[in-house]
Amino acid sequence: MKRYAIFTRALALSGALLLAAGGSALASGFYVGVQGGATLLDGITTHVAIPNGPTAQANTNTDTGWLAGASGGYEWPIGLALEGEFTFRQNHLNDMNYAGQNIFTGGDAHSYAMMMNGYYRWHNRTRFTPYIGGGAGEAVVALNNLHPNAPGGDFGGDTATFAYQAIGGVAYALNEHWSVAAEYRYFATVSPGITGNTAGIKNVKLSPGYGSQNALLRLIYNF
């Protein structure tokens, strides 16, 4: 519950910052932007496969993490927009446990996502512009420095996989060129299969679910 409270406060802060601004309506054309915020991984089940051994389904617990990224795109006068985006996400991993025992502790889970997004923006007579969108692309998902419950070395590795997201938010025009936006995203990937060596065992494969709730602020410049 503590992680959800932190996530809710981040989203509320985004809205409060929007209400403090002022400006005029957005124009169509090319734009660029930067973004940052909080990311919360959903309850994760990780499949742990050992060569010539059983596959375990381990519960994986993480902290609320952070994200940062940049984007650039083009918006048409009818409110449709297409953009390319790069975003980095990172969450600290508390533990990965099976049958009440920790398999790994510590480390982190992170991803680098390269996405193509589409939006529809409802322009109106106010400075507020609500919008919805979605995207698809590729993400490199990594697990780093996971400490096993036996000696022999930490686990680490990464892999590329298909990623997708759903987007909703509201932008506020500061002036003719600048705007800020508060946004929610559900970002997820196809379950990655990450192979590495740990605890003296080679080719251990971890396949974590990777779905996340994201609250972020965007700063956008319209040319």
C-alpha atoms as a PDB file:
ATOM      1  CA  MET A   1       0.000   0.000   0.000  1.00  0.00           C
ATOM      2  CA  LYS A   2       2.915   2.365   0.667  1.00  0.00           C
ATOM      3  CA  ARG A   3       4.071   2.122  -2.962  1.00  0.00           C
ATOM      4  CA  TYR A   4       0.562   2.921  -4.243  1.00  0.00           C
ATOM      5  CA  ALA A   5       0.385   5.963  -1.914  1.00  0.00           C
ATOM      6  CA  ILE A   6       3.662   7.297  -3.326  1.00  0.00           C
ATOM      7  CA  PHE A   7       2.408   6.709  -6.866  1.00  0.00           C
ATOM      8  CA  THR A   8      -0.891   8.527  -6.139  1.00  0.00           C
ATOM      9  CA  ARG A   9       0.933  11.530  -4.648  1.00  0.00           C
ATOM     10  CA  ALA A  10       3.128  11.746  -7.766  1.00  0.00           C
ATOM     11  CA  LEU A  11       0.058  11.874  -9.999  1.00  0.00           C
ATOM     12  CA  ALA A  12      -1.606  14.509  -7.779  1.00  0.00           C
ATOM     13  CA  LEU A  13       1.553  16.641  -7.885  1.00  0.00           C
ATOM     14  CA  SER A  14       1.485  16.453 -11.679  1.00  0.00           C
ATOM     15  CA  GLY A  15      -2.016  17.880 -11.736  1.00  0.00           C
ATOM     16  CA  ALA A  16      -1.177  20.641  -9.247  1.00  0.00           C
ATOM     17  CA  LEU A  17       1.776  21.799 -11.324  1.00  0.00           C
ATOM     18  CA  LEU A  18      -0.435  21.994 -14.403  1.00  0.00           C
ATOM     19  CA  LEU A  19      -2.953  24.250 -12.655  1.00  0.00           C
ATOM     20  CA  ALA A  20      -0.202  26.695 -11.717  1.00  0.00           C
ATOM     21  CA  ALA A  21       0.625  27.547 -15.356  1.00  0.00           C
ATOM     22  CA  GLY A  22      -0.850  29.955 -17.941  1.00  0.00           C
ATOM     23  CA  GLY A  23      -0.665  30.604 -21.749  1.00  0.00           C
ATOM     24  CA  SER A  24      -2.432  30.188 -25.106  1.00  0.00           C
ATOM     25  CA  ALA A  25      -3.619  27.360 -27.369  1.00  0.00           C
ATOM     26  CA  LEU A  26      -1.286  24.867 -29.015  1.00  0.00           C
ATOM     27  CA  ALA A  27      -0.591  24.910 -32.769  1.00  0.00           C
ATOM     28  CA  SER A  28      -0.140  21.982 -35.138  1.00  0.00           C
ATOM     29  CA  GLY A  29       3.279  21.074 -36.567  1.00  0.00           C
ATOM     30  CA  PHE A  30       6.500  19.541 -35.307  1.00  0.00           C
ATOM     31  CA  TYR A  31       7.216  19.283 -31.581  1.00  0.00           C
ATOM     32  CA  VAL A  32       9.809  17.874 -29.174  1.00  0.00           C
ATOM     33  CA  GLY A  33       9.540  17.090 -25.489  1.00  0.00           C
ATOM     34  CA  VAL A  34      11.121  15.644 -22.373  1.00  0.00           C
ATOM     35  CA  GLN A  35       9.436  13.666 -19.612  1.00  0.00           C
ATOM     36  CA  GLY A  36      10.021  12.275 -16.155  1.00  0.00           C
ATOM     37  CA  GLY A  37       8.040  10.627 -13.399  1.00  0.00           C
ATOM     38  CA  ALA A  38       7.322   7.549 -11.305  1.00  0.00           C
ATOM     39  CA  THR A  39       6.902   3.948 -12.405  1.00  0.00           C
ATOM     40  CA  LEU A  40       5.327   1.115 -10.434  1.00  0.00           C
ATOM     41  CA  LEU A  41       5.744  -2.468 -11.616  1.00  0.00           C
ATOM     42  CA  ASP A  42       2.623  -4.605 -11.249  1.00  0.00           C
ATOM     43  CA  GLY A  43       2.734  -7.725  -9.084  1.00  0.00           C
ATOM     44  CA  ILE A  44       5.415  -9.743 -10.854  1.00  0.00           C
ATOM     45  CA  THR A  45       5.745 -13.478 -11.274  1.00  0.00           C
ATOM     46  CA  THR A  46       9.161 -14.572 -12.544  1.00  0.00           C
ATOM     47  CA  HIS A  47       9.742 -17.978 -14.122  1.00  0.00           C
ATOM     48  CA  VAL A  48      13.122 -19.289 -12.990  1.00  0.00           C
ATOM     49  CA  ALA A  49      14.502 -22.085 -15.185  1.00  0.00           C
ATOM     50  CA  ILE A  50      17.665 -24.055 -14.353  1.00  0.00           C
ATOM     51  CA  PRO A  51      19.200 -26.261 -17.110  1.00  0.00           C
ATOM     52  CA  ASN A  52      18.147 -29.895 -16.646  1.00  0.00           C
ATOM     53  CA  GLY A  53      16.118 -28.845 -13.636  1.00  0.00           C
ATOM     54  CA  PRO A  54      12.630 -27.659 -12.657  1.00  0.00           C
ATOM     55  CA  THR A  55      11.085 -24.273 -13.458  1.00  0.00           C
ATOM     56  CA  ALA A  56       9.888 -22.294 -10.451  1.00  0.00           C
ATOM     57  CA  GLN A  57       7.367 -19.430 -10.391  1.00  0.00           C
ATOM     58  CA  ALA A  58       8.829 -16.863  -8.011  1.00  0.00           C
ATOM     59  CA  ASN A  59       7.132 -13.778  -6.594  1.00  0.00           C
ATOM     60  CA  THR A  60       9.186 -10.655  -7.289  1.00  0.00           C
ATOM     61  CA  ASN A  61       8.883  -7.517  -5.130  1.00  0.00           C
ATOM     62  CA  THR A  62      10.120  -4.105  -6.311  1.00  0.00           C
ATOM     63  CA  ASP A  63      10.051  -0.492  -5.092  1.00  0.00           C
ATOM     64  CA  THR A  64       8.416   2.426  -6.880  1.00  0.00           C
ATOM     65  CA  GLY A  65      10.975   3.553  -9.449  1.00  0.00           C
ATOM     66  CA  TRP A  66      11.603   6.428 -11.809  1.00  0.00           C
ATOM     67  CA  LEU A  67      11.551   7.123 -15.528  1.00  0.00           C
ATOM     68  CA  ALA A  68      13.022   9.721 -17.866  1.00  0.00           C
ATOM     69  CA  GLY A  69      12.795  10.150 -21.611  1.00  0.00           C
ATOM     70  CA  ALA A  70      12.485  12.315 -24.691  1.00  0.00           C
ATOM     71  CA  SER A  71      10.205  12.392 -27.720  1.00  0.00           C
ATOM     72  CA  GLY A  72       9.616  14.161 -30.986  1.00  0.00           C
ATOM     73  CA  GLY A  73       6.721  14.143 -33.422  1.00  0.00           C
ATOM     74  CA  TYR A  74       4.256  15.894 -35.670  1.00  0.00           C
ATOM     75  CA  GLU A  75       0.649  16.919 -35.016  1.00  0.00           C
ATOM     76  CA  TRP A  76      -1.923  17.554 -37.757  1.00  0.00           C
ATOM     77  CA  PRO A  77      -4.609  20.284 -37.426  1.00  0.00           C
ATOM     78  CA  ILE A  78      -7.333  17.661 -36.857  1.00  0.00           C
ATOM     79  CA  GLY A  79      -5.651  16.641 -33.566  1.00  0.00           C
ATOM     80  CA  LEU A  80      -3.926  13.452 -34.719  1.00  0.00           C
ATOM     81  CA  ALA A  81      -0.234  13.161 -33.853  1.00  0.00           C
ATOM     82  CA  LEU A  82       2.554  10.656 -34.461  1.00  0.00           C
ATOM     83  CA  GLU A  83       5.773  10.606 -32.429  1.00  0.00           C
ATOM     84  CA  GLY A  84       8.920   8.637 -31.697  1.00  0.00           C
ATOM     85  CA  GLU A  85       9.930   8.173 -28.058  1.00  0.00           C
ATOM     86  CA  PHE A  86      12.833   6.881 -25.987  1.00  0.00           C
ATOM     87  CA  THR A  87      12.279   6.235 -22.261  1.00  0.00           C
ATOM     88  CA  PHE A  88      14.398   4.678 -19.512  1.00  0.00           C
ATOM     89  CA  ARG A  89      12.727   3.065 -16.474  1.00  0.00           C
ATOM     90  CA  GLN A  90      14.335   1.663 -13.319  1.00  0.00           C
ATOM     91  CA  ASN A  91      13.022  -0.125 -10.220  1.00  0.00           C
ATOM     92  CA  HIS A  92      14.972  -1.480  -7.253  1.00  0.00           C
ATOM     93  CA  LEU A  93      14.354  -5.199  -6.681  1.00  0.00           C
ATOM     94  CA  ASN A  94      13.766  -6.132  -3.039  1.00  0.00           C
ATOM     95  CA  ASP A  95      13.548  -9.906  -3.342  1.00  0.00           C
ATOM     96  CA  MET A  96      12.507 -12.827  -5.505  1.00  0.00           C
ATOM     97  CA  ASN A  97      11.058 -15.675  -3.459  1.00  0.00           C
ATOM     98  CA  TYR A  98       9.693 -19.155  -4.019  1.00  0.00           C
ATOM     99  CA  ALA A  99       7.804 -21.186  -1.389  1.00  0.00           C
ATOM    100  CA  GLY A 100       8.673 -18.634   1.292  1.00  0.00           C
ATOM    101  CA  GLN A 101      12.430 -18.609   0.594  1.00  0.00           C
ATOM    102  CA  ASN A 102      14.392 -15.909  -1.186  1.00  0.00           C
ATOM    103  CA  ILE A 103      16.024 -17.038  -4.424  1.00  0.00           C
ATOM    104  CA  PHE A 104      17.535 -13.588  -5.021  1.00  0.00           C
ATOM    105  CA  THR A 105      17.707 -10.318  -3.083  1.00  0.00           C
ATOM    106  CA  GLY A 106      18.716  -6.804  -4.130  1.00  0.00           C
ATOM    107  CA  GLY A 107      19.592  -5.636  -7.609  1.00  0.00           C
ATOM    108  CA  ASP A 108      17.415  -3.722 -10.036  1.00  0.00           C
ATOM    109  CA  ALA A 109      15.114  -4.143 -13.020  1.00  0.00           C
ATOM    110  CA  HIS A 110      15.275  -1.565 -15.787  1.00  0.00           C
ATOM    111  CA  SER A 111      14.301  -1.071 -19.402  1.00  0.00           C
ATOM    112  CA  TYR A 112      15.150   1.073 -22.421  1.00  0.00           C
ATOM    113  CA  ALA A 113      12.078   1.510 -24.615  1.00  0.00           C
ATOM    114  CA  MET A 114      12.019   2.802 -28.196  1.00  0.00           C
ATOM    115  CA  MET A 115       8.386   3.432 -29.124  1.00  0.00           C
ATOM    116  CA  MET A 116       6.239   4.791 -31.939  1.00  0.00           C
ATOM    117  CA  ASN A 117       3.145   6.483 -30.482  1.00  0.00           C
ATOM    118  CA  GLY A 118      -0.107   7.770 -31.944  1.00  0.00           C
ATOM    119  CA  TYR A 119      -2.388  10.345 -30.253  1.00  0.00           C
ATOM    120  CA  TYR A 120      -5.715  12.046 -30.624  1.00  0.00           C
ATOM    121  CA  ARG A 121      -5.921  15.491 -28.951  1.00  0.00           C
ATOM    122  CA  TRP A 122      -9.227  17.263 -28.258  1.00  0.00           C
ATOM    123  CA  HIS A 123      -8.447  20.937 -28.904  1.00  0.00           C
ATOM    124  CA  ASN A 124     -11.042  23.375 -27.564  1.00  0.00           C
ATOM    125  CA  ARG A 125     -11.505  27.015 -26.530  1.00  0.00           C
ATOM    126  CA  THR A 126      -9.545  26.548 -23.290  1.00  0.00           C
ATOM    127  CA  ARG A 127      -5.835  26.108 -22.692  1.00  0.00           C
ATOM    128  CA  PHE A 128      -6.428  22.512 -21.577  1.00  0.00           C
ATOM    129  CA  THR A 129      -6.117  19.781 -24.207  1.00  0.00           C
ATOM    130  CA  PRO A 130      -7.079  16.250 -23.115  1.00  0.00           C
ATOM    131  CA  TYR A 131      -5.694  13.405 -25.188  1.00  0.00           C
ATOM    132  CA  ILE A 132      -5.469   9.640 -25.509  1.00  0.00           C
ATOM    133  CA  GLY A 133      -2.978   7.472 -27.343  1.00  0.00           C
ATOM    134  CA  GLY A 134      -1.086   4.244 -27.607  1.00  0.00           C
ATOM    135  CA  GLY A 135       2.209   2.938 -28.844  1.00  0.00           C
ATOM    136  CA  ALA A 136       4.260  -0.069 -29.819  1.00  0.00           C
ATOM    137  CA  GLY A 137       7.957  -0.730 -30.199  1.00  0.00           C
ATOM    138  CA  GLU A 138      10.897  -2.534 -28.668  1.00  0.00           C
ATOM    139  CA  ALA A 139      12.315  -2.538 -25.151  1.00  0.00           C
ATOM    140  CA  VAL A 140      15.567  -3.882 -23.779  1.00  0.00           C
ATOM    141  CA  VAL A 141      14.712  -5.306 -20.336  1.00  0.00           C
ATOM    142  CA  ALA A 142      17.578  -5.933 -17.914  1.00  0.00           C
ATOM    143  CA  LEU A 143      18.084  -7.494 -14.479  1.00  0.00           C
ATOM    144  CA  ASN A 144      21.306  -6.416 -12.754  1.00  0.00           C
ATOM    145  CA  ASN A 145      23.198  -7.480  -9.614  1.00  0.00           C
ATOM    146  CA  LEU A 146      20.650  -9.941  -8.246  1.00  0.00           C
ATOM    147  CA  HIS A 147      22.237 -11.606  -5.216  1.00  0.00           C
ATOM    148  CA  PRO A 148      21.539 -15.376  -5.023  1.00  0.00           C
ATOM    149  CA  ASN A 149      20.982 -17.189  -1.731  1.00  0.00           C
ATOM    150  CA  ALA A 150      24.099 -19.281  -2.448  1.00  0.00           C
ATOM    151  CA  PRO A 151      27.705 -18.211  -3.176  1.00  0.00           C
ATOM    152  CA  GLY A 152      29.003 -18.134  -6.728  1.00  0.00           C
ATOM    153  CA  GLY A 153      28.246 -14.755  -8.296  1.00  0.00           C
ATOM    154  CA  ASP A 154      25.381 -12.338  -8.913  1.00  0.00           C
ATOM    155  CA  PHE A 155      22.891 -12.679 -11.754  1.00  0.00           C
ATOM    156  CA  GLY A 156      22.742 -10.142 -14.550  1.00  0.00           C
ATOM    157  CA  GLY A 157      21.627  -9.944 -18.151  1.00  0.00           C
ATOM    158  CA  ASP A 158      19.274  -8.337 -20.640  1.00  0.00           C
ATOM    159  CA  THR A 159      17.196  -9.075 -23.720  1.00  0.00           C
ATOM    160  CA  ALA A 160      15.121  -7.175 -26.301  1.00  0.00           C
ATOM    161  CA  THR A 161      11.388  -7.801 -26.580  1.00  0.00           C
ATOM    162  CA  PHE A 162       8.161  -6.329 -27.982  1.00  0.00           C
ATOM    163  CA  ALA A 163       6.670  -3.462 -25.951  1.00  0.00           C
ATOM    164  CA  TYR A 164       3.328  -1.658 -25.976  1.00  0.00           C
ATOM    165  CA  GLN A 165       1.565   1.076 -24.029  1.00  0.00           C
ATOM    166  CA  ALA A 166      -1.735   2.913 -23.503  1.00  0.00           C
ATOM    167  CA  ILE A 167      -1.648   6.662 -22.805  1.00  0.00           C
ATOM    168  CA  GLY A 168      -4.007   9.282 -21.389  1.00  0.00           C
ATOM    169  CA  GLY A 169      -3.352  12.824 -20.234  1.00  0.00           C
ATOM    170  CA  VAL A 170      -4.055  16.530 -20.384  1.00  0.00           C
ATOM    171  CA  ALA A 171      -1.792  19.295 -21.711  1.00  0.00           C
ATOM    172  CA  TYR A 172      -1.822  22.965 -20.691  1.00  0.00           C
ATOM    173  CA  ALA A 173      -0.525  25.703 -23.001  1.00  0.00           C
ATOM    174  CA  LEU A 174       1.916  28.078 -21.334  1.00  0.00           C
ATOM    175  CA  ASN A 175       2.250  30.210 -24.465  1.00  0.00           C
ATOM    176  CA  GLU A 176       2.375  29.798 -28.243  1.00  0.00           C
ATOM    177  CA  HIS A 177       5.303  27.351 -28.128  1.00  0.00           C
ATOM    178  CA  TRP A 178       5.544  25.793 -24.656  1.00  0.00           C
ATOM    179  CA  SER A 179       3.155  23.455 -22.877  1.00  0.00           C
ATOM    180  CA  VAL A 180       3.210  21.062 -19.925  1.00  0.00           C
ATOM    181  CA  ALA A 181       1.233  17.847 -19.565  1.00  0.00           C
ATOM    182  CA  ALA A 182       0.275  15.420 -16.802  1.00  0.00           C
ATOM    183  CA  GLU A 183       0.011  11.899 -18.117  1.00  0.00           C
ATOM    184  CA  TYR A 184      -0.757   8.300 -17.168  1.00  0.00           C
ATOM    185  CA  ARG A 185       0.668   5.344 -19.078  1.00  0.00           C
ATOM    186  CA  TYR A 186       0.328   1.609 -18.831  1.00  0.00           C
ATOM    187  CA  PHE A 187       3.564   0.220 -20.248  1.00  0.00           C
ATOM    188  CA  ALA A 188       4.283  -3.492 -20.696  1.00  0.00           C
ATOM    189  CA  THR A 189       6.373  -5.954 -22.668  1.00  0.00           C
ATOM    190  CA  VAL A 190       6.122  -9.544 -23.792  1.00  0.00           C
ATOM    191  CA  SER A 191       7.724 -11.538 -20.957  1.00  0.00           C
ATOM    192  CA  PRO A 192      11.493 -11.360 -21.565  1.00  0.00           C
ATOM    193  CA  GLY A 193      13.763 -14.369 -21.188  1.00  0.00           C
ATOM    194  CA  ILE A 194      17.051 -13.256 -19.593  1.00  0.00           C
ATOM    195  CA  THR A 195      19.876 -15.779 -19.395  1.00  0.00           C
ATOM    196  CA  GLY A 196      22.927 -15.523 -17.123  1.00  0.00           C
ATOM    197  CA  ASN A 197      25.213 -17.357 -14.729  1.00  0.00           C
ATOM    198  CA  THR A 198      24.726 -17.287 -10.962  1.00  0.00           C
ATOM    199  CA  ALA A 199      25.594 -19.244  -7.823  1.00  0.00           C
ATOM    200  CA  GLY A 200      27.973 -21.418  -9.851  1.00  0.00           C
ATOM    201  CA  ILE A 201      25.207 -22.453 -12.285  1.00  0.00           C
ATOM    202  CA  LYS A 202      25.430 -21.563 -15.981  1.00  0.00           C
ATOM    203  CA  ASN A 203      22.580 -20.492 -18.260  1.00  0.00           C
ATOM    204  CA  VAL A 204      19.971 -19.797 -15.607  1.00  0.00           C
ATOM    205  CA  LYS A 205      16.961 -18.199 -17.336  1.00  0.00           C
ATOM    206  CA  LEU A 206      14.734 -15.633 -15.623  1.00  0.00           C
ATOM    207  CA  SER A 207      11.489 -14.612 -17.354  1.00  0.00           C
ATOM    208  CA  PRO A 208       9.828 -11.824 -15.358  1.00  0.00           C
ATOM    209  CA  GLY A 209       6.494 -10.290 -16.200  1.00  0.00           C
ATOM    210  CA  TYR A 210       7.058  -6.629 -17.067  1.00  0.00           C
ATOM    211  CA  GLY A 211       3.945  -4.459 -16.792  1.00  0.00           C
ATOM    212  CA  SER A 212       3.979  -1.027 -15.163  1.00  0.00           C
ATOM    213  CA  GLN A 213       1.782   1.864 -14.045  1.00  0.00           C
ATOM    214  CA  ASN A 214       3.396   5.231 -14.853  1.00  0.00           C
ATOM    215  CA  ALA A 215       2.655   8.836 -13.785  1.00  0.00           C
ATOM    216  CA  LEU A 216       4.698  11.492 -15.541  1.00  0.00           C
ATOM    217  CA  LEU A 217       5.095  15.157 -16.379  1.00  0.00           C
ATOM    218  CA  ARG A 218       6.009  16.301 -19.895  1.00  0.00           C
ATOM    219  CA  LEU A 219       7.493  19.589 -21.077  1.00  0.00           C
ATOM    220  CA  ILE A 220       6.776  20.158 -24.794  1.00  0.00           C
ATOM    221  CA  TYR A 221       8.052  22.698 -27.308  1.00  0.00           C
ATOM    222  CA  ASN A 222       5.992  23.284 -30.474  1.00  0.00           C
ATOM    223  CA  PHE A 223       7.880  24.752 -33.434  1.00  0.00           C
END
